[in-house]
C-alpha cells in the first residue's frame, strides 16, 4: 500500500504540496476515529478527564482541524493574488471543478450505498444536494453534515476574495457582510449559548457557526505565505527553534485545557452552552500548524512521516467509512457480550484495532477505484 500511493496525486502543481499538512490531516482523522471508538464503545465518562484523555473524549476537534486545513489550503491561490497583485486570481470555473472532482464522486458513492441499504431515498437526495442530514441514515450519515459545511465554504471563499479584489466598493461590501456575521455570531453564539432547537444546526454546524475555523486557516495561510516570501524566518536558527518549541508547547497545553473543559461538560452540553470552544480550538490548531511549518521542531518526525502522510491521503475515504465499520463491529460485539463484559474483555481492544484495519483497507480500495481516477482528471485542470 505504501509504495503504491503517490502522495502528490491530484495536486496540480507539485510546488503546492506540503507534506506536513498531509500528516496533520492524518492526525485529524486519527482524532475523529478515536472519538467515535470512545462513543460507540459505551465507556462511562469519569467526573473529570486527564489532559491526554481529553484529546480522545473531545476528539471531534479533529473536524475543527479539518476545517482549519481547508481554510489554509484552499486559500493559498487566492491569498497569493491578494499579496501580489501581479498574480491573477484562480479561474473560478477551475476552482469549482476541482472541488467537485475532489468531493462529489466518493461522497455520492457513500450516499448511494447507504440509501440502497436503508431505502431512505428522499434523505439520500437531500444529502446529495448537500443539505443537512444528521443521524437520518444511521450509522452511515453521522459525518455527512461536515460535507455540507465544507461545500458552503467552497462556494463563499472565491466570492469573498473576488469582492475584495474588485476594488473599494467590493471591499466595503465584504467588510459589511463580515461585520453583520460577526455581530450575529457574538450575540447568537458567544453570548446566547442556548439556541432554539430549530436553529441548532445553523448555530453549531453550518458555515455560520463554523466560519471561525476556516478564517483561522486562512489567516494561518496568509502568515505562512508572507513569512516564506520574505524569508523572515530560518527554521534552523536556534532562537527560532526554541521559540517555536515554546509556542508549540503553550498552544498544545491550552488546546488540551479547552478540550478537557469540553470533555468534562460532555459533548452535547458543550455544543449547547459553550459552542465557542470550537473557535478557541481552531485558533490553537492554526498556531500549531504554523509552528510545525515554520520551525524545525525536535521530534517533528514523530508526526511528519510517510505512514502518517498515507493516513492523511486516505483520510477522506476513512472519514466516510469508519463510523459504520466501527458501529457494526464494536456495537454488535458489545450487545452480544453485554456492555460490562465487553468493556472488561480483550475484545475491547481487539475490535477497534480490527475496525481500523478494515477501515484502512476499504479506504485504500475506494481511493484506488473512485478517488484516484477523478484526482487524475483534477490534476489536469488548468491553474
Protein backbone atom coordinates (compact mmCIF):
# COMPACT_ATOMS: atom_id res chain seq x y z
CA UNK A 1 0.00 0.00 0.00
CA UNK A 2 2.77 2.42 0.96
CA UNK A 3 4.69 2.13 -2.30
CA UNK A 4 1.54 2.15 -4.46
CA UNK A 5 0.36 5.53 -3.20
CA UNK A 6 1.53 8.70 -4.91
CA UNK A 7 1.17 11.34 -2.22
CA UNK A 8 1.04 14.12 -4.82
CA UNK A 9 -1.76 12.63 -6.94
CA UNK A 10 -4.41 15.25 -7.62
CA UNK A 11 -2.06 18.16 -6.92
CA UNK A 12 -2.00 20.46 -9.93
CA UNK A 13 1.37 21.94 -9.02
CA UNK A 14 3.93 19.87 -7.14
CA UNK A 15 5.26 23.03 -5.50
CA UNK A 16 1.99 23.41 -3.59
CA UNK A 17 2.26 20.00 -1.93
CA UNK A 18 3.15 20.35 1.75
CA UNK A 19 3.98 17.05 3.44
CA UNK A 20 3.40 18.46 6.93
CA UNK A 21 -0.19 19.34 6.10
CA UNK A 22 -0.86 15.86 4.75
CA UNK A 23 0.41 14.44 8.03
CA UNK A 24 -1.73 16.87 10.03
CA UNK A 25 -4.69 15.60 8.03
CA UNK A 26 -3.70 12.13 9.20
CA UNK A 27 -3.72 13.40 12.78
CA UNK A 28 -7.20 14.88 12.27
CA UNK A 29 -8.71 11.60 11.07
CA UNK A 30 -6.97 9.73 13.91
CA UNK A 31 -8.61 12.04 16.47
CA UNK A 32 -12.03 11.59 14.86
CA UNK A 33 -11.56 7.81 14.71
CA UNK A 34 -10.61 7.61 18.40
CA UNK A 35 -13.55 9.87 19.33
CA UNK A 36 -16.01 7.51 17.66
CA UNK A 37 -14.36 4.45 19.21
CA UNK A 38 -14.89 6.05 22.61
CA UNK A 39 -18.52 6.90 21.90
CA UNK A 40 -19.54 3.59 20.31
CA UNK A 41 -17.78 1.51 22.97
CA UNK A 42 -20.10 2.96 25.60
CA UNK A 43 -17.42 3.91 28.12
CA UNK A 44 -18.84 5.58 31.22
CA UNK A 45 -17.25 9.03 31.46
CA UNK A 46 -15.43 9.91 34.67
CA UNK A 47 -16.28 13.17 36.50
CA UNK A 48 -13.04 14.66 35.21
CA UNK A 49 -10.73 13.73 32.35
CA UNK A 50 -6.97 13.93 32.11
CA UNK A 51 -5.48 16.36 29.61
CA UNK A 52 -4.24 13.49 27.44
CA UNK A 53 -7.56 11.63 27.52
CA UNK A 54 -9.38 14.82 26.55
CA UNK A 55 -7.90 14.56 23.04
CA UNK A 56 -9.88 11.33 22.64
CA UNK A 57 -13.07 12.23 24.51
CA UNK A 58 -13.20 15.56 22.62
CA UNK A 59 -11.64 14.06 19.50
CA UNK A 60 -14.31 15.72 17.39
CA UNK A 61 -11.82 18.57 17.47
CA UNK A 62 -10.40 16.66 14.51
CA UNK A 63 -13.34 18.05 12.49
CA UNK A 64 -12.34 21.57 13.53
CA UNK A 65 -8.79 20.76 12.41
CA UNK A 66 -10.10 19.61 9.02
CA UNK A 67 -11.89 22.95 8.64
CA UNK A 68 -8.74 24.88 9.55
CA UNK A 69 -6.78 22.87 6.97
CA UNK A 70 -9.41 23.64 4.33
CA UNK A 71 -9.10 27.34 5.01
CA UNK A 72 -5.30 27.12 4.88
CA UNK A 73 -5.02 25.07 1.69
CA UNK A 74 -7.88 26.41 -0.39
CA UNK A 75 -7.00 29.97 0.46
CA UNK A 76 -3.44 29.67 -0.85
CA UNK A 77 -4.03 30.54 -4.53
CA UNK A 78 -6.37 33.38 -3.60
CA UNK A 79 -4.01 34.72 -0.95
CA UNK A 80 -1.13 34.73 -3.44
CA UNK A 81 -3.16 37.04 -5.66
CA UNK A 82 -4.12 39.10 -2.60
CA UNK A 83 -0.47 39.51 -1.55
CA UNK A 84 0.92 40.09 -5.05
CA UNK A 85 -1.43 41.88 -7.44
CA UNK A 86 0.68 40.75 -10.41
CA UNK A 87 -0.57 37.20 -9.79
CA UNK A 88 -4.07 36.70 -11.23
CA UNK A 89 -6.69 35.02 -9.03
CA UNK A 90 -7.60 31.42 -9.80
CA UNK A 91 -10.04 30.74 -12.60
CA UNK A 92 -13.47 30.43 -10.97
CA UNK A 93 -14.61 27.51 -13.09
CA UNK A 94 -11.40 25.57 -12.45
CA UNK A 95 -11.68 26.14 -8.70
CA UNK A 96 -15.24 24.84 -8.50
CA UNK A 97 -14.49 21.97 -10.89
CA UNK A 98 -11.51 20.91 -8.77
CA UNK A 99 -13.61 20.94 -5.61
CA UNK A 100 -16.38 18.94 -7.28
CA UNK A 101 -13.96 16.30 -8.58
CA UNK A 102 -12.37 16.01 -5.14
CA UNK A 103 -15.52 15.76 -3.04
CA UNK A 104 -18.51 14.53 -5.02
CA UNK A 105 -17.57 11.11 -6.51
CA UNK A 106 -16.71 9.32 -3.26
CA UNK A 107 -19.40 11.12 -1.28
CA UNK A 108 -22.10 10.22 -3.80
CA UNK A 109 -20.90 6.61 -3.78
CA UNK A 110 -21.22 6.53 0.03
CA UNK A 111 -24.67 8.11 -0.07
CA UNK A 112 -25.87 5.76 -2.82
CA UNK A 113 -24.69 2.71 -0.89
CA UNK A 114 -26.47 3.88 2.26
CA UNK A 115 -29.80 4.56 0.56
CA UNK A 116 -29.71 1.19 -1.19
CA UNK A 117 -29.19 -0.48 2.19
CA UNK A 118 -31.70 1.68 4.09
CA UNK A 119 -34.26 2.59 1.43
CA UNK A 120 -34.14 6.27 2.56
CA UNK A 121 -34.11 7.73 -0.94
CA UNK A 122 -35.51 11.14 -0.04
CA UNK A 123 -32.92 11.62 2.68
CA UNK A 124 -30.27 10.46 0.23
CA UNK A 125 -31.41 13.05 -2.30
CA UNK A 126 -31.20 15.75 0.36
CA UNK A 127 -27.68 14.59 1.20
CA UNK A 128 -26.65 14.64 -2.47
CA UNK A 129 -27.79 18.26 -2.63
CA UNK A 130 -25.57 18.89 0.41
CA UNK A 131 -28.48 19.65 2.68
CA UNK A 132 -28.06 18.93 6.37
CA UNK A 133 -28.50 15.25 7.20
CA UNK A 134 -27.80 14.20 10.75
CA UNK A 135 -28.50 10.69 12.03
CA UNK A 136 -31.29 10.10 9.49
CA UNK A 137 -29.49 7.13 7.91
CA UNK A 138 -27.62 5.90 10.96
CA UNK A 139 -24.79 4.96 11.16
CA UNK A 140 -23.84 5.94 7.61
CA UNK A 141 -24.86 9.61 7.72
CA UNK A 142 -23.26 10.57 11.05
CA UNK A 143 -20.42 12.57 9.44
CA UNK A 144 -22.19 13.88 6.35
CA UNK A 145 -23.04 17.27 7.88
CA UNK A 146 -19.39 18.31 7.58
CA UNK A 147 -19.54 17.92 3.80
CA UNK A 148 -22.46 20.34 3.73
CA UNK A 149 -20.42 22.85 5.75
CA UNK A 150 -17.35 22.38 3.54
CA UNK A 151 -19.35 22.97 0.37
CA UNK A 152 -20.78 26.18 1.82
CA UNK A 153 -17.19 27.34 2.37
CA UNK A 154 -16.20 26.32 -1.17
CA UNK A 155 -19.00 28.47 -2.59
CA UNK A 156 -18.29 31.52 -0.43
CA UNK A 157 -14.46 31.58 -0.50
CA UNK A 158 -13.98 32.68 -4.14
CA UNK A 159 -16.86 35.15 -3.91
CA UNK A 160 -15.29 36.78 -0.86
CA UNK A 161 -11.89 37.16 -2.48
CA UNK A 162 -13.38 38.39 -5.76
CA UNK A 163 -15.26 41.07 -3.83
CA UNK A 164 -12.05 42.12 -2.09
CA UNK A 165 -10.05 42.18 -5.31
CA UNK A 166 -12.72 44.07 -7.26
CA UNK A 167 -11.98 47.45 -5.71
CA UNK A 168 -13.14 49.70 -2.90
CA UNK A 169 -16.92 49.08 -3.26
CA UNK A 170 -16.34 45.32 -3.17
CA UNK A 171 -14.10 45.60 -0.12
CA UNK A 172 -16.66 47.70 1.73
CA UNK A 173 -19.42 45.23 0.88
CA UNK A 174 -17.33 42.28 2.07
CA UNK A 175 -16.41 44.07 5.31
CA UNK A 176 -20.08 44.90 5.87
CA UNK A 177 -21.09 41.26 5.36
CA UNK A 178 -18.38 40.05 7.74
CA UNK A 179 -19.40 42.70 10.25
CA UNK A 180 -23.01 41.53 10.22
CA UNK A 181 -21.89 37.92 10.58
CA UNK A 182 -19.59 38.80 13.48
CA UNK A 183 -22.36 40.67 15.29
CA UNK A 184 -24.78 37.77 14.87
CA UNK A 185 -22.14 35.21 15.83
CA UNK A 186 -21.24 37.03 19.04
CA UNK A 187 -24.84 37.72 20.05
CA UNK A 188 -26.33 34.39 18.96
CA UNK A 189 -23.50 32.00 19.74
CA UNK A 190 -20.99 33.52 22.14
CA UNK A 191 -23.45 35.40 24.35
CA UNK A 192 -26.56 33.30 23.74
CA UNK A 193 -25.36 29.71 24.07
CA UNK A 194 -28.80 28.06 24.17
CA UNK A 195 -30.24 28.48 20.66
CA UNK A 196 -33.68 27.29 19.72
CA UNK A 197 -33.66 23.69 18.50
CA UNK A 198 -34.76 24.86 15.07
CA UNK A 199 -31.60 26.98 14.89
CA UNK A 200 -29.20 24.43 16.40
CA UNK A 201 -27.85 23.33 13.01
CA UNK A 202 -27.34 26.92 11.87
CA UNK A 203 -25.55 27.84 15.08
CA UNK A 204 -23.49 24.71 15.60
CA UNK A 205 -22.73 23.05 12.29
CA UNK A 206 -23.32 25.35 9.32
CA UNK A 207 -20.81 27.79 7.90
CA UNK A 208 -22.38 30.41 10.18
CA UNK A 209 -21.17 28.68 13.33
CA UNK A 210 -18.00 27.15 11.88
CA UNK A 211 -16.68 30.09 9.87
CA UNK A 212 -14.09 30.99 12.57
CA UNK A 213 -12.27 27.72 11.88
CA UNK A 214 -11.98 28.47 8.16
CA UNK A 215 -10.94 32.06 8.91
CA UNK A 216 -8.25 30.80 11.31
CA UNK A 217 -6.93 28.59 8.50
CA UNK A 218 -6.97 31.50 6.04
CA UNK A 219 -5.07 33.70 8.47
CA UNK A 220 -2.51 30.97 9.10
CA UNK A 221 -2.13 30.54 5.35
CA UNK A 222 -1.53 34.26 4.94
CA UNK A 223 1.12 34.31 7.68
CA UNK A 224 2.78 31.28 6.10
CA UNK A 225 2.94 32.86 2.63
CA UNK A 226 4.21 36.23 3.87
CA UNK A 227 6.84 34.58 6.05
CA UNK A 228 8.08 32.34 3.26
CA UNK A 229 8.02 35.15 0.72
CA UNK A 230 10.06 37.49 2.87
CA UNK A 231 12.22 34.69 4.21
CA UNK A 232 11.81 36.32 7.60
CA UNK A 233 12.48 33.09 9.46
CA UNK A 234 15.17 30.49 9.26
CA UNK A 235 13.80 27.28 10.69
CA UNK A 236 17.31 26.18 11.64
CA UNK A 237 18.12 29.28 13.69
CA UNK A 238 18.47 28.33 17.34
CA UNK A 239 16.27 31.14 18.62
CA UNK A 240 13.54 30.23 16.13
CA UNK A 241 13.68 26.57 17.14
CA UNK A 242 13.47 27.45 20.83
CA UNK A 243 10.70 29.99 20.24
CA UNK A 244 8.79 27.54 18.07
CA UNK A 245 9.06 24.85 20.72
CA UNK A 246 7.79 27.22 23.43
CA UNK A 247 4.87 28.34 21.24
CA UNK A 248 4.03 24.73 20.36
CA UNK A 249 4.06 23.56 23.97
CA UNK A 250 1.95 26.53 25.12
CA UNK A 251 -0.59 26.14 22.30
CA UNK A 252 -0.85 22.36 22.81
CA UNK A 253 -1.34 22.85 26.55
CA UNK A 254 -4.04 25.48 26.04
CA UNK A 255 -5.73 23.22 23.50
CA UNK A 256 -5.68 20.34 25.99
CA UNK A 257 -7.26 22.60 28.62
CA UNK A 258 -10.04 23.64 26.23
CA UNK A 259 -10.68 20.02 25.24
CA UNK A 260 -10.70 18.93 28.89
CA UNK A 261 -13.31 21.55 29.72
CA UNK A 262 -15.47 20.34 26.84
CA UNK A 263 -14.94 16.68 27.82
CA UNK A 264 -15.90 17.34 31.44
CA UNK A 265 -19.07 19.09 30.26
CA UNK A 266 -19.98 16.27 27.91
CA UNK A 267 -20.16 16.56 24.14
CA UNK A 268 -23.83 17.53 23.86
CA UNK A 269 -23.71 20.03 26.70
CA UNK A 270 -20.56 21.65 25.34
CA UNK A 271 -22.22 22.06 21.94
CA UNK A 272 -25.21 23.77 23.52
CA UNK A 273 -23.73 26.07 26.13
CA UNK A 274 -20.10 26.54 25.05
CA UNK A 275 -20.05 26.22 21.29
CA UNK A 276 -17.45 28.97 21.03
CA UNK A 277 -14.87 26.48 22.30
CA UNK A 278 -14.63 25.31 18.68
CA UNK A 279 -13.30 28.76 17.83
CA UNK A 280 -10.69 28.50 20.57
CA UNK A 281 -9.69 25.11 19.19
CA UNK A 282 -9.41 26.49 15.67
CA UNK A 283 -7.11 29.35 16.68
CA UNK A 284 -4.85 27.00 18.65
CA UNK A 285 -4.74 24.46 15.81
CA UNK A 286 -3.76 27.27 13.42
CA UNK A 287 -0.90 28.24 15.74
CA UNK A 288 0.27 24.63 15.92
CA UNK A 289 0.16 24.28 12.14
CA UNK A 290 2.31 27.39 11.70
CA UNK A 291 4.78 26.18 14.32
CA UNK A 292 5.13 22.88 12.51
CA UNK A 293 5.60 24.55 9.12
CA UNK A 294 7.91 27.39 10.09
CA UNK A 295 10.08 25.88 12.81
CA UNK A 296 12.30 22.83 12.87
CA UNK A 297 10.80 21.33 15.99
CA UNK A 298 12.51 18.49 17.88
CA UNK A 299 10.68 15.21 17.40
CA UNK A 300 8.93 16.53 14.29
CA UNK A 301 9.44 13.19 12.56
CA UNK A 302 7.04 11.55 15.02
CA UNK A 303 4.23 13.32 13.16
CA UNK A 304 5.78 14.07 9.79
CA UNK A 305 6.48 10.69 8.22
CA UNK A 306 5.21 8.57 5.35
CA UNK A 307 2.76 6.36 7.34
CA UNK A 308 1.11 9.48 8.74
CA UNK A 309 1.05 11.05 5.28
CA UNK A 310 -0.59 7.93 3.83
CA UNK A 311 -3.23 8.09 6.56
CA UNK A 312 -3.79 11.71 5.61
CA UNK A 313 -4.01 10.81 1.93
CA UNK A 314 -6.70 8.23 2.70
CA UNK A 315 -8.40 10.38 5.33
CA UNK A 316 -11.40 11.32 3.18
CA UNK A 317 -12.17 7.67 2.46
CA UNK A 318 -11.58 6.71 6.09
CA UNK A 319 -13.79 9.57 7.24
CA UNK A 320 -16.75 8.39 5.18
CA UNK A 321 -16.48 4.69 6.01
CA UNK A 322 -15.23 4.45 9.59
CA UNK A 323 -18.44 5.06 11.60
CA UNK A 324 -20.45 2.19 10.03
CA UNK A 325 -17.47 -0.15 10.36
CA UNK A 326 -16.91 0.79 14.00
CA UNK A 327 -20.59 0.56 14.79
CA UNK A 328 -21.22 -2.86 13.30
CA UNK A 329 -18.02 -4.35 14.71
CA UNK A 330 -17.95 -2.77 18.17
CA UNK A 331 -21.65 -2.30 18.94
CA UNK A 332 -22.55 -5.81 17.75
CA UNK A 333 -19.84 -7.32 19.97
CA UNK A 334 -20.85 -5.16 22.91
CA UNK A 335 -24.50 -6.11 22.64
CA UNK A 336 -23.84 -9.83 22.21
CA UNK A 337 -21.44 -9.99 25.18
CA UNK A 338 -23.13 -7.43 27.38
CA UNK A 339 -21.69 -3.96 27.93
CA UNK A 340 -19.84 -4.74 31.16
CA UNK A 341 -18.35 -7.99 29.87
CA UNK A 342 -17.26 -6.33 26.64
CA UNK A 343 -15.53 -3.43 28.39
CA UNK A 344 -13.72 -5.84 30.71
CA UNK A 345 -12.61 -8.21 27.94
CA UNK A 346 -9.74 -8.23 25.49
CA UNK A 347 -12.27 -7.61 22.70
CA UNK A 348 -12.49 -4.03 23.92
CA UNK A 349 -9.01 -3.61 22.42
CA UNK A 350 -9.20 -6.12 19.55
CA UNK A 351 -12.39 -4.88 17.88
CA UNK A 352 -11.26 -1.24 17.43
CA UNK A 353 -7.94 -2.49 16.04
CA UNK A 354 -9.72 -4.78 13.59
CA UNK A 355 -12.10 -1.95 12.68
CA UNK A 356 -9.13 0.31 11.92
CA UNK A 357 -7.59 -2.33 9.65
CA UNK A 358 -10.93 -2.83 7.89
CA UNK A 359 -11.48 0.91 7.52
CA UNK A 360 -7.96 1.43 6.18
CA UNK A 361 -8.31 -1.45 3.73
CA UNK A 362 -11.67 -0.24 2.46
CA UNK A 363 -10.31 3.30 2.21
CA UNK A 364 -7.43 2.10 0.06
CA UNK A 365 -9.85 0.24 -2.22
CA UNK A 366 -12.21 3.20 -2.63
CA UNK A 367 -9.26 5.53 -3.11
CA UNK A 368 -7.91 3.42 -5.97
CA UNK A 369 -11.30 2.71 -7.57
CA UNK A 370 -13.14 6.00 -7.05
CA UNK A 371 -10.97 8.83 -5.75
CA UNK A 372 -7.82 8.37 -7.81
CA UNK A 373 -9.39 8.41 -11.32
CA UNK A 374 -11.10 11.71 -10.55
CA UNK A 375 -7.98 13.08 -8.89
CA UNK A 376 -6.10 12.48 -12.14
CA UNK A 377 -8.75 14.45 -14.02
CA UNK A 378 -8.50 17.18 -11.38
CA UNK A 379 -4.73 17.29 -11.79
CA UNK A 380 -5.10 18.18 -15.46
CA UNK A 381 -7.37 21.14 -14.82
CA UNK A 382 -5.78 24.49 -15.75
CA UNK A 383 -4.45 26.61 -12.90
